[in-house]
N, C-alpha and C. Protein backbone atom coordinates (compact mmCIF):
# COMPACT_ATOMS: atom_id res chain seq x y z
N MET A 1 0.86 -1.36 0.31
CA MET A 1 0.02 -0.07 -0.05
C MET A 1 0.89 1.08 0.06
N ASN A 2 0.48 2.16 -0.70
CA ASN A 2 0.98 3.35 -0.86
C ASN A 2 0.47 4.50 -0.08
N VAL A 3 0.68 4.86 0.92
CA VAL A 3 0.12 5.89 1.74
C VAL A 3 0.52 7.41 1.41
N ALA A 4 -0.22 8.01 0.45
CA ALA A 4 0.49 9.13 -0.14
C ALA A 4 0.32 10.32 1.06
N SER A 5 -0.55 10.65 1.93
CA SER A 5 -0.71 11.49 2.91
C SER A 5 -1.57 11.26 4.13
N THR A 6 -1.31 11.62 5.09
CA THR A 6 -2.21 11.74 6.58
C THR A 6 -2.36 13.27 6.86
N THR A 7 -3.45 13.83 6.93
CA THR A 7 -3.66 15.12 7.45
C THR A 7 -4.42 15.11 8.74
N VAL A 8 -4.30 15.80 9.81
CA VAL A 8 -5.18 15.95 10.86
C VAL A 8 -5.30 17.51 11.04
N ALA A 9 -6.60 17.69 10.39
CA ALA A 9 -6.99 19.24 10.34
C ALA A 9 -7.59 19.34 11.88
N LYS A 10 -7.98 20.64 12.04
CA LYS A 10 -8.64 20.99 13.33
C LYS A 10 -9.78 20.37 13.53
N TYR A 11 -10.67 20.17 12.45
CA TYR A 11 -11.87 19.51 12.77
C TYR A 11 -12.22 18.29 11.71
N SER A 12 -10.94 17.79 11.23
CA SER A 12 -11.14 16.50 10.47
C SER A 12 -9.82 15.87 10.31
N VAL A 13 -10.07 14.45 10.12
CA VAL A 13 -8.83 13.47 9.81
C VAL A 13 -8.98 13.24 8.38
N ARG A 14 -8.10 13.65 7.44
CA ARG A 14 -7.97 13.18 5.98
C ARG A 14 -6.75 12.15 5.87
N LYS A 15 -7.02 11.31 5.03
CA LYS A 15 -5.99 10.55 4.63
C LYS A 15 -6.14 9.81 3.03
N THR A 16 -4.98 10.12 2.41
CA THR A 16 -5.23 9.57 0.82
C THR A 16 -4.24 8.00 0.78
N LEU A 17 -4.67 7.32 -0.06
CA LEU A 17 -4.05 6.02 -0.12
C LEU A 17 -4.48 5.43 -1.25
N THR A 18 -3.36 4.47 -1.69
CA THR A 18 -3.56 3.98 -3.14
C THR A 18 -3.46 2.40 -3.19
N VAL A 19 -4.64 1.77 -3.99
CA VAL A 19 -4.84 0.47 -3.72
C VAL A 19 -4.70 -0.04 -5.20
N GLU A 20 -4.10 -1.22 -5.06
CA GLU A 20 -3.89 -1.76 -6.65
C GLU A 20 -5.10 -2.83 -6.98
N THR A 21 -6.16 -2.05 -7.18
CA THR A 21 -7.04 -2.49 -7.75
C THR A 21 -8.00 -1.61 -8.47
N SER A 22 -9.35 -2.16 -8.92
CA SER A 22 -10.12 -0.97 -9.90
C SER A 22 -10.88 -0.26 -8.74
N ALA A 23 -11.37 0.85 -9.32
CA ALA A 23 -12.25 1.40 -8.19
C ALA A 23 -13.38 0.82 -7.92
N GLU A 24 -13.84 -0.03 -8.92
CA GLU A 24 -15.23 -0.78 -8.70
C GLU A 24 -14.94 -1.84 -7.58
N ARG A 25 -13.62 -2.31 -7.84
CA ARG A 25 -13.34 -3.47 -6.71
C ARG A 25 -13.28 -2.72 -5.32
N ALA A 26 -12.38 -1.56 -5.28
CA ALA A 26 -12.24 -1.16 -3.96
C ALA A 26 -13.24 -0.55 -3.43
N PHE A 27 -14.33 -0.04 -4.08
CA PHE A 27 -15.73 0.41 -3.56
C PHE A 27 -16.38 -0.74 -2.94
N ARG A 28 -16.56 -2.01 -3.75
CA ARG A 28 -17.06 -3.15 -3.20
C ARG A 28 -16.35 -3.85 -2.07
N VAL A 29 -15.13 -3.64 -2.09
CA VAL A 29 -14.44 -4.17 -0.64
C VAL A 29 -14.90 -3.49 0.45
N PHE A 30 -14.79 -2.17 0.21
CA PHE A 30 -14.90 -1.24 1.35
C PHE A 30 -16.28 -1.55 1.88
N THR A 31 -17.39 -1.74 1.13
CA THR A 31 -18.96 -1.75 1.25
C THR A 31 -19.14 -3.01 1.75
N GLU A 32 -19.13 -3.72 0.62
CA GLU A 32 -20.04 -5.10 0.63
C GLU A 32 -18.93 -6.10 1.50
N LYS A 33 -17.59 -5.96 1.63
CA LYS A 33 -16.72 -6.80 2.28
C LYS A 33 -16.17 -6.07 3.64
N HIS A 34 -16.90 -5.08 4.16
CA HIS A 34 -16.76 -4.39 5.33
C HIS A 34 -16.09 -5.25 6.33
N GLY A 35 -17.18 -6.20 6.63
CA GLY A 35 -16.77 -7.23 7.72
C GLY A 35 -15.76 -8.06 7.67
N ASP A 36 -14.99 -8.23 6.55
CA ASP A 36 -13.77 -9.00 6.14
C ASP A 36 -12.80 -8.50 6.71
N TRP A 37 -12.60 -7.20 6.70
CA TRP A 37 -11.35 -6.24 6.83
C TRP A 37 -11.30 -5.63 8.08
N TRP A 38 -12.44 -5.28 8.54
CA TRP A 38 -12.59 -4.40 9.70
C TRP A 38 -12.22 -4.98 11.05
N PRO A 39 -11.22 -4.37 11.76
CA PRO A 39 -10.48 -4.83 12.94
C PRO A 39 -11.49 -4.92 14.00
N MET A 40 -12.37 -6.11 14.06
CA MET A 40 -13.76 -6.28 15.01
C MET A 40 -13.11 -6.59 16.35
N ALA A 41 -12.07 -7.16 16.56
CA ALA A 41 -11.65 -7.41 17.79
C ALA A 41 -11.41 -6.34 18.80
N THR A 42 -10.97 -5.16 18.03
CA THR A 42 -10.51 -3.85 18.62
C THR A 42 -11.42 -2.78 18.51
N HIS A 43 -12.22 -2.92 17.49
CA HIS A 43 -13.02 -1.82 17.28
C HIS A 43 -14.36 -2.18 16.94
N HIS A 44 -14.89 -2.17 18.07
CA HIS A 44 -16.59 -2.51 18.15
C HIS A 44 -16.98 -1.88 19.43
N ILE A 45 -18.37 -1.53 19.41
CA ILE A 45 -19.03 -0.95 20.68
C ILE A 45 -20.13 -1.49 21.51
N GLY A 46 -20.53 -2.75 20.64
CA GLY A 46 -21.30 -3.98 21.57
C GLY A 46 -20.77 -4.55 22.85
N LYS A 47 -21.61 -4.73 23.50
CA LYS A 47 -21.22 -5.56 24.85
C LYS A 47 -20.60 -7.08 24.31
N HIS A 48 -20.75 -7.66 23.44
CA HIS A 48 -20.27 -8.86 23.04
C HIS A 48 -19.36 -8.69 22.00
N PRO A 49 -18.54 -9.72 21.83
CA PRO A 49 -17.43 -9.55 20.61
C PRO A 49 -18.35 -9.44 19.05
N ALA A 50 -17.76 -8.67 18.44
CA ALA A 50 -18.83 -8.44 16.95
C ALA A 50 -18.35 -9.68 16.24
N ARG A 51 -19.21 -10.07 15.26
CA ARG A 51 -19.12 -10.95 14.47
C ARG A 51 -18.83 -10.19 13.02
N THR A 52 -19.44 -9.21 12.77
CA THR A 52 -19.26 -8.74 11.25
C THR A 52 -19.78 -6.99 11.60
N VAL A 53 -19.21 -6.36 10.56
CA VAL A 53 -19.65 -4.92 10.44
C VAL A 53 -20.52 -4.97 8.76
N ILE A 54 -21.46 -4.11 8.88
CA ILE A 54 -22.38 -4.09 7.85
C ILE A 54 -22.51 -2.59 7.36
N ILE A 55 -22.53 -2.34 6.16
CA ILE A 55 -22.99 -1.27 5.46
C ILE A 55 -24.07 -1.67 4.28
N GLU A 56 -25.34 -1.16 4.70
CA GLU A 56 -26.24 -1.41 3.85
C GLU A 56 -26.26 -0.54 2.57
N PRO A 57 -26.34 -1.21 1.28
CA PRO A 57 -26.04 -0.49 -0.06
C PRO A 57 -27.08 0.40 -0.55
N ALA A 58 -27.32 1.29 0.30
CA ALA A 58 -28.43 2.43 -0.33
C ALA A 58 -28.06 3.59 0.53
N GLU A 59 -28.68 5.04 -0.13
CA GLU A 59 -28.67 6.07 0.92
C GLU A 59 -29.84 5.78 1.75
N GLY A 60 -29.47 6.25 3.13
CA GLY A 60 -30.51 5.83 4.36
C GLY A 60 -30.11 4.39 4.88
N GLY A 61 -29.30 3.66 4.18
CA GLY A 61 -28.92 2.51 4.91
C GLY A 61 -27.98 2.49 6.10
N ARG A 62 -28.09 1.43 6.94
CA ARG A 62 -27.50 1.70 8.22
C ARG A 62 -26.07 0.93 8.12
N TRP A 63 -25.42 1.48 9.14
CA TRP A 63 -23.89 1.09 9.21
C TRP A 63 -23.88 0.68 10.57
N TYR A 64 -23.62 -0.81 10.84
CA TYR A 64 -23.71 -1.14 12.26
C TYR A 64 -22.76 -2.47 12.46
N GLU A 65 -22.70 -2.54 13.45
CA GLU A 65 -21.94 -4.06 14.03
C GLU A 65 -23.27 -4.95 14.47
N GLN A 66 -22.59 -6.40 14.09
CA GLN A 66 -23.51 -7.22 14.55
C GLN A 66 -22.62 -8.19 15.44
N GLY A 67 -23.15 -8.50 16.61
CA GLY A 67 -22.39 -9.20 17.54
C GLY A 67 -22.69 -10.74 17.40
N GLU A 68 -21.71 -11.52 18.16
CA GLU A 68 -21.50 -13.04 17.87
C GLU A 68 -22.70 -13.45 18.66
N ASP A 69 -23.35 -12.77 19.34
CA ASP A 69 -24.80 -13.14 19.98
C ASP A 69 -25.96 -12.88 19.41
N GLY A 70 -25.80 -11.95 17.96
CA GLY A 70 -26.83 -11.84 17.08
C GLY A 70 -27.32 -10.31 17.54
N SER A 71 -26.74 -9.85 18.55
CA SER A 71 -27.26 -8.33 18.98
C SER A 71 -26.74 -7.50 17.78
N GLU A 72 -27.23 -6.06 17.52
CA GLU A 72 -26.76 -5.08 16.75
C GLU A 72 -26.57 -3.95 17.49
N CYS A 73 -25.48 -3.11 16.88
CA CYS A 73 -25.35 -1.59 17.35
C CYS A 73 -24.75 -0.94 16.27
N ASP A 74 -25.88 0.07 16.04
CA ASP A 74 -25.84 1.07 15.26
C ASP A 74 -24.53 1.90 15.21
N TRP A 75 -23.99 2.50 14.28
CA TRP A 75 -22.75 3.22 14.12
C TRP A 75 -23.28 4.79 13.11
N GLY A 76 -24.15 4.42 12.42
CA GLY A 76 -24.59 5.46 11.74
C GLY A 76 -25.46 5.13 10.52
N ARG A 77 -25.36 5.82 9.43
CA ARG A 77 -26.11 5.56 8.33
C ARG A 77 -25.59 6.01 6.92
N VAL A 78 -25.90 5.52 5.82
CA VAL A 78 -25.52 6.10 4.39
C VAL A 78 -26.20 7.26 4.24
N LEU A 79 -25.44 8.13 3.76
CA LEU A 79 -25.69 9.58 3.36
C LEU A 79 -25.93 9.57 1.86
N VAL A 80 -24.78 9.21 1.15
CA VAL A 80 -24.49 9.28 -0.34
C VAL A 80 -23.82 7.77 -0.57
N TRP A 81 -24.45 7.61 -1.41
CA TRP A 81 -24.12 6.19 -1.88
C TRP A 81 -23.94 6.19 -3.85
N ASP A 82 -23.08 6.48 -4.25
CA ASP A 82 -22.47 6.48 -5.55
C ASP A 82 -21.54 5.65 -6.06
N PRO A 83 -21.78 4.43 -6.29
CA PRO A 83 -20.74 3.49 -6.81
C PRO A 83 -20.25 3.64 -7.97
N PRO A 84 -19.13 3.58 -8.38
CA PRO A 84 -17.99 3.38 -7.45
C PRO A 84 -17.08 4.45 -7.08
N HIS A 85 -17.92 5.56 -7.14
CA HIS A 85 -17.18 7.03 -6.85
C HIS A 85 -16.81 7.40 -5.61
N ARG A 86 -18.13 7.47 -4.93
CA ARG A 86 -18.22 8.10 -3.60
C ARG A 86 -19.10 7.49 -2.52
N LEU A 87 -18.76 7.57 -1.18
CA LEU A 87 -19.46 7.17 -0.20
C LEU A 87 -19.28 7.91 0.84
N VAL A 88 -20.58 8.55 1.46
CA VAL A 88 -20.75 9.13 2.70
C VAL A 88 -21.38 8.66 3.62
N MET A 89 -21.08 8.68 5.02
CA MET A 89 -21.77 7.99 5.97
C MET A 89 -21.78 8.86 7.23
N ALA A 90 -22.91 8.85 7.88
CA ALA A 90 -22.96 9.67 9.17
C ALA A 90 -22.33 8.56 10.20
N TRP A 91 -21.50 9.21 10.87
CA TRP A 91 -20.88 8.43 12.13
C TRP A 91 -21.39 9.05 13.19
N GLN A 92 -22.30 8.36 13.82
CA GLN A 92 -23.13 8.71 15.01
C GLN A 92 -22.72 8.26 16.38
N LEU A 93 -21.35 8.09 16.56
CA LEU A 93 -20.75 7.70 17.82
C LEU A 93 -20.36 8.91 18.55
N THR A 94 -20.58 8.93 19.68
CA THR A 94 -20.37 10.03 20.66
C THR A 94 -18.85 10.12 20.98
N GLY A 95 -18.44 10.86 21.86
CA GLY A 95 -17.17 10.64 22.47
C GLY A 95 -16.89 9.74 23.46
N ASP A 96 -18.13 9.03 23.80
CA ASP A 96 -18.05 8.04 24.75
C ASP A 96 -18.16 6.76 24.05
N TRP A 97 -18.06 6.63 22.54
CA TRP A 97 -18.32 5.51 21.89
C TRP A 97 -19.43 4.94 21.78
N GLN A 98 -20.62 5.72 22.11
CA GLN A 98 -22.21 5.28 22.16
C GLN A 98 -22.96 5.70 21.15
N PHE A 99 -23.70 5.16 20.19
CA PHE A 99 -24.49 5.34 19.26
C PHE A 99 -25.73 6.41 19.69
N ASP A 100 -25.86 7.65 18.97
CA ASP A 100 -26.83 8.89 19.31
C ASP A 100 -27.27 9.17 18.01
N PRO A 101 -28.62 8.79 17.75
CA PRO A 101 -29.19 9.19 16.43
C PRO A 101 -29.34 10.66 16.15
N SER A 102 -29.00 11.45 17.21
CA SER A 102 -29.03 12.80 17.13
C SER A 102 -27.71 13.46 16.98
N PHE A 103 -26.61 12.83 16.86
CA PHE A 103 -25.21 13.08 17.03
C PHE A 103 -24.71 12.89 15.36
N LEU A 104 -23.99 13.92 14.95
CA LEU A 104 -23.65 13.49 13.53
C LEU A 104 -22.11 14.06 13.18
N THR A 105 -21.41 13.10 12.68
CA THR A 105 -20.08 13.55 12.22
C THR A 105 -19.90 12.83 11.06
N GLU A 106 -19.32 13.09 10.02
CA GLU A 106 -19.50 12.61 8.47
C GLU A 106 -18.07 11.77 7.94
N VAL A 107 -18.17 10.70 7.57
CA VAL A 107 -17.10 9.86 6.94
C VAL A 107 -17.28 9.90 5.34
N GLU A 108 -16.30 10.40 4.56
CA GLU A 108 -16.41 10.22 3.35
C GLU A 108 -15.18 9.46 2.47
N LEU A 109 -15.49 8.83 1.44
CA LEU A 109 -14.61 8.28 0.61
C LEU A 109 -14.82 8.26 -0.53
N ARG A 110 -13.72 8.78 -1.37
CA ARG A 110 -13.77 9.12 -2.85
C ARG A 110 -12.65 8.04 -3.12
N PHE A 111 -13.50 7.32 -4.44
CA PHE A 111 -12.58 6.30 -5.01
C PHE A 111 -11.95 6.85 -6.36
N ILE A 112 -10.96 7.35 -6.67
CA ILE A 112 -10.41 7.85 -7.91
C ILE A 112 -9.71 6.88 -8.85
N ARG A 113 -10.12 6.62 -10.05
CA ARG A 113 -9.40 5.77 -10.72
C ARG A 113 -8.27 6.44 -11.39
N GLU A 114 -7.11 5.62 -11.18
CA GLU A 114 -5.70 6.20 -11.64
C GLU A 114 -5.09 4.95 -12.75
N GLY A 115 -6.10 4.12 -13.06
CA GLY A 115 -5.69 3.03 -13.97
C GLY A 115 -6.58 2.04 -13.89
N ALA A 116 -6.53 0.91 -15.00
CA ALA A 116 -7.21 -0.16 -14.68
C ALA A 116 -7.49 -0.95 -13.41
N HIS A 117 -5.89 -0.97 -13.05
CA HIS A 117 -5.96 -1.57 -11.35
C HIS A 117 -5.17 -1.03 -10.49
N ARG A 118 -5.61 0.41 -10.52
CA ARG A 118 -5.11 1.31 -9.38
C ARG A 118 -6.01 2.28 -9.04
N THR A 119 -6.25 2.51 -7.75
CA THR A 119 -7.41 3.47 -7.42
C THR A 119 -6.81 4.42 -6.13
N ARG A 120 -6.95 5.75 -6.19
CA ARG A 120 -6.75 6.55 -5.10
C ARG A 120 -7.87 6.64 -4.19
N VAL A 121 -7.81 6.54 -2.95
CA VAL A 121 -8.73 6.54 -2.11
C VAL A 121 -8.52 7.84 -1.41
N GLU A 122 -9.69 8.75 -1.35
CA GLU A 122 -9.34 9.87 -0.47
C GLU A 122 -10.18 9.83 0.75
N PHE A 123 -9.97 9.75 1.98
CA PHE A 123 -10.84 9.67 3.03
C PHE A 123 -10.66 10.94 3.93
N GLU A 124 -12.05 11.33 4.43
CA GLU A 124 -12.27 12.16 5.26
C GLU A 124 -13.21 11.96 6.51
N HIS A 125 -12.95 12.13 7.70
CA HIS A 125 -13.71 12.11 8.59
C HIS A 125 -13.95 13.51 9.33
N ARG A 126 -14.98 14.23 9.03
CA ARG A 126 -15.03 15.65 9.39
C ARG A 126 -16.34 15.89 10.48
N ASN A 127 -16.29 17.31 10.39
CA ASN A 127 -17.31 17.73 11.27
C ASN A 127 -17.17 17.40 12.82
N LEU A 128 -16.02 17.31 13.32
CA LEU A 128 -15.48 16.75 14.45
C LEU A 128 -15.70 17.68 15.62
N GLU A 129 -15.85 18.88 15.17
CA GLU A 129 -16.48 19.94 16.09
C GLU A 129 -17.55 19.66 16.79
N ALA A 130 -18.30 18.76 16.46
CA ALA A 130 -19.66 18.24 17.07
C ALA A 130 -19.28 17.65 18.29
N TYR A 131 -18.02 17.17 18.50
CA TYR A 131 -17.66 16.61 20.01
C TYR A 131 -17.42 17.37 20.83
N GLY A 132 -17.78 18.87 20.49
CA GLY A 132 -17.53 19.89 21.68
C GLY A 132 -15.99 20.02 22.34
N ALA A 133 -16.19 19.91 23.74
CA ALA A 133 -14.83 20.11 24.53
C ALA A 133 -14.20 18.51 24.25
N LYS A 134 -14.67 17.52 23.73
CA LYS A 134 -13.84 16.45 23.66
C LYS A 134 -13.29 16.52 22.08
N ALA A 135 -13.42 17.33 21.39
CA ALA A 135 -13.12 17.49 19.89
C ALA A 135 -11.50 17.16 19.53
N ASP A 136 -10.72 17.69 20.40
CA ASP A 136 -9.55 17.74 19.87
C ASP A 136 -8.60 16.22 20.54
N THR A 137 -9.44 15.83 21.68
CA THR A 137 -9.05 14.34 22.13
C THR A 137 -9.61 13.26 21.06
N VAL A 138 -10.56 13.35 20.67
CA VAL A 138 -11.22 12.48 19.54
C VAL A 138 -10.52 12.55 18.30
N ARG A 139 -10.41 13.75 18.02
CA ARG A 139 -9.69 13.87 16.55
C ARG A 139 -7.98 13.29 16.42
N GLU A 140 -7.50 13.27 17.64
CA GLU A 140 -6.14 12.87 18.05
C GLU A 140 -6.44 11.37 18.10
N MET A 141 -7.29 10.68 18.86
CA MET A 141 -7.51 9.33 18.74
C MET A 141 -7.75 8.56 17.54
N ILE A 142 -8.63 9.22 16.72
CA ILE A 142 -8.95 8.61 15.41
C ILE A 142 -8.09 8.90 14.48
N GLY A 143 -7.23 9.94 14.51
CA GLY A 143 -6.06 10.01 13.42
C GLY A 143 -4.97 9.63 13.64
N ALA A 144 -4.70 9.22 14.95
CA ALA A 144 -3.36 8.48 15.37
C ALA A 144 -3.18 7.00 14.97
N PRO A 145 -2.37 6.27 14.94
CA PRO A 145 -2.04 4.81 14.94
C PRO A 145 -2.94 4.11 15.60
N GLY A 146 -3.63 3.26 15.37
CA GLY A 146 -4.79 2.56 15.98
C GLY A 146 -6.23 3.06 15.64
N GLY A 147 -6.29 4.29 15.11
CA GLY A 147 -7.53 4.73 14.60
C GLY A 147 -7.59 4.64 13.25
N TRP A 148 -7.90 5.74 12.40
CA TRP A 148 -8.45 5.71 11.02
C TRP A 148 -7.19 5.01 10.35
N PRO A 149 -5.86 5.44 10.61
CA PRO A 149 -4.75 4.94 9.75
C PRO A 149 -4.68 3.29 9.83
N THR A 150 -4.89 2.95 10.97
CA THR A 150 -4.81 1.73 11.02
C THR A 150 -5.76 0.63 10.31
N ILE A 151 -7.09 1.23 10.63
CA ILE A 151 -8.10 0.79 9.90
C ILE A 151 -8.11 0.62 8.37
N LEU A 152 -7.64 1.89 7.91
CA LEU A 152 -7.67 1.93 6.33
C LEU A 152 -6.42 1.14 5.86
N GLU A 153 -5.64 1.05 6.59
CA GLU A 153 -4.13 0.04 6.02
C GLU A 153 -4.84 -1.39 5.96
N LYS A 154 -5.93 -1.80 7.00
CA LYS A 154 -6.27 -3.00 6.86
C LYS A 154 -7.02 -3.05 5.48
N PHE A 155 -7.89 -2.08 5.27
CA PHE A 155 -8.93 -1.91 4.11
C PHE A 155 -7.88 -2.18 2.95
N ALA A 156 -6.98 -1.39 2.88
CA ALA A 156 -5.88 -1.26 1.61
C ALA A 156 -5.20 -2.61 1.37
N ASP A 157 -4.89 -3.35 2.50
CA ASP A 157 -4.16 -4.81 2.37
C ASP A 157 -5.31 -5.65 1.97
N PHE A 158 -6.21 -5.65 2.36
CA PHE A 158 -7.52 -6.40 1.87
C PHE A 158 -7.79 -6.36 0.27
N ALA A 159 -8.00 -4.89 -0.05
CA ALA A 159 -8.22 -4.56 -1.27
C ALA A 159 -7.43 -5.17 -2.35
N ASN A 160 -5.92 -4.85 -1.62
CA ASN A 160 -4.96 -5.22 -2.89
C ASN A 160 -4.80 -6.69 -3.00
N GLU A 161 -5.00 -7.59 -1.92
CA GLU A 161 -5.33 -8.98 -2.08
C GLU A 161 -6.21 -9.25 -2.98
N GLU A 162 -7.44 -8.80 -2.87
CA GLU A 162 -8.74 -8.88 -3.69
C GLU A 162 -8.09 -8.67 -5.37
N GLY A 163 -7.37 -7.61 -5.34
CA GLY A 163 -6.89 -7.03 -6.76
C GLY A 163 -6.06 -8.32 -7.44
N ARG A 164 -5.45 -8.83 -6.79
CA ARG A 164 -4.40 -9.92 -7.23
C ARG A 164 -5.29 -11.01 -7.60
N GLN A 165 -6.38 -11.32 -7.14
CA GLN A 165 -7.14 -12.44 -7.62
C GLN A 165 -8.01 -12.33 -8.88
């Protein structure tokens, strides 16, 4: 994986990476295979271990985890569904990592074709000012190793492997 840049702005976290697969496949890996690469052991909010993470494929669709016990924990919803170019999701987890349907930050991904088997992915988690007094702490947590950079590396590794098949 080639990480072109990572930027932590005042109220957003941005990351650009390149995957060695088509934009169509990169979009599908991020959405349809979300639970295959998401680090569920360390990044879940349910009371029980997570079995998978799901993004429902339509505007208004849910973004949620499903526990090994069958329980479900919402994370947000799909705001823009534009395969294979763009995905915007509401991230509705508070600074205490609890779902709140009235809370909103946004996660946007753009999949930009750079060749038949190469895609630049531009990622932004924005509107972090919604965290109020916790905004700086949350921004630093999600922008640091272990946060979005690690999660997106797992996505890129999986997408690159899928691109070789």
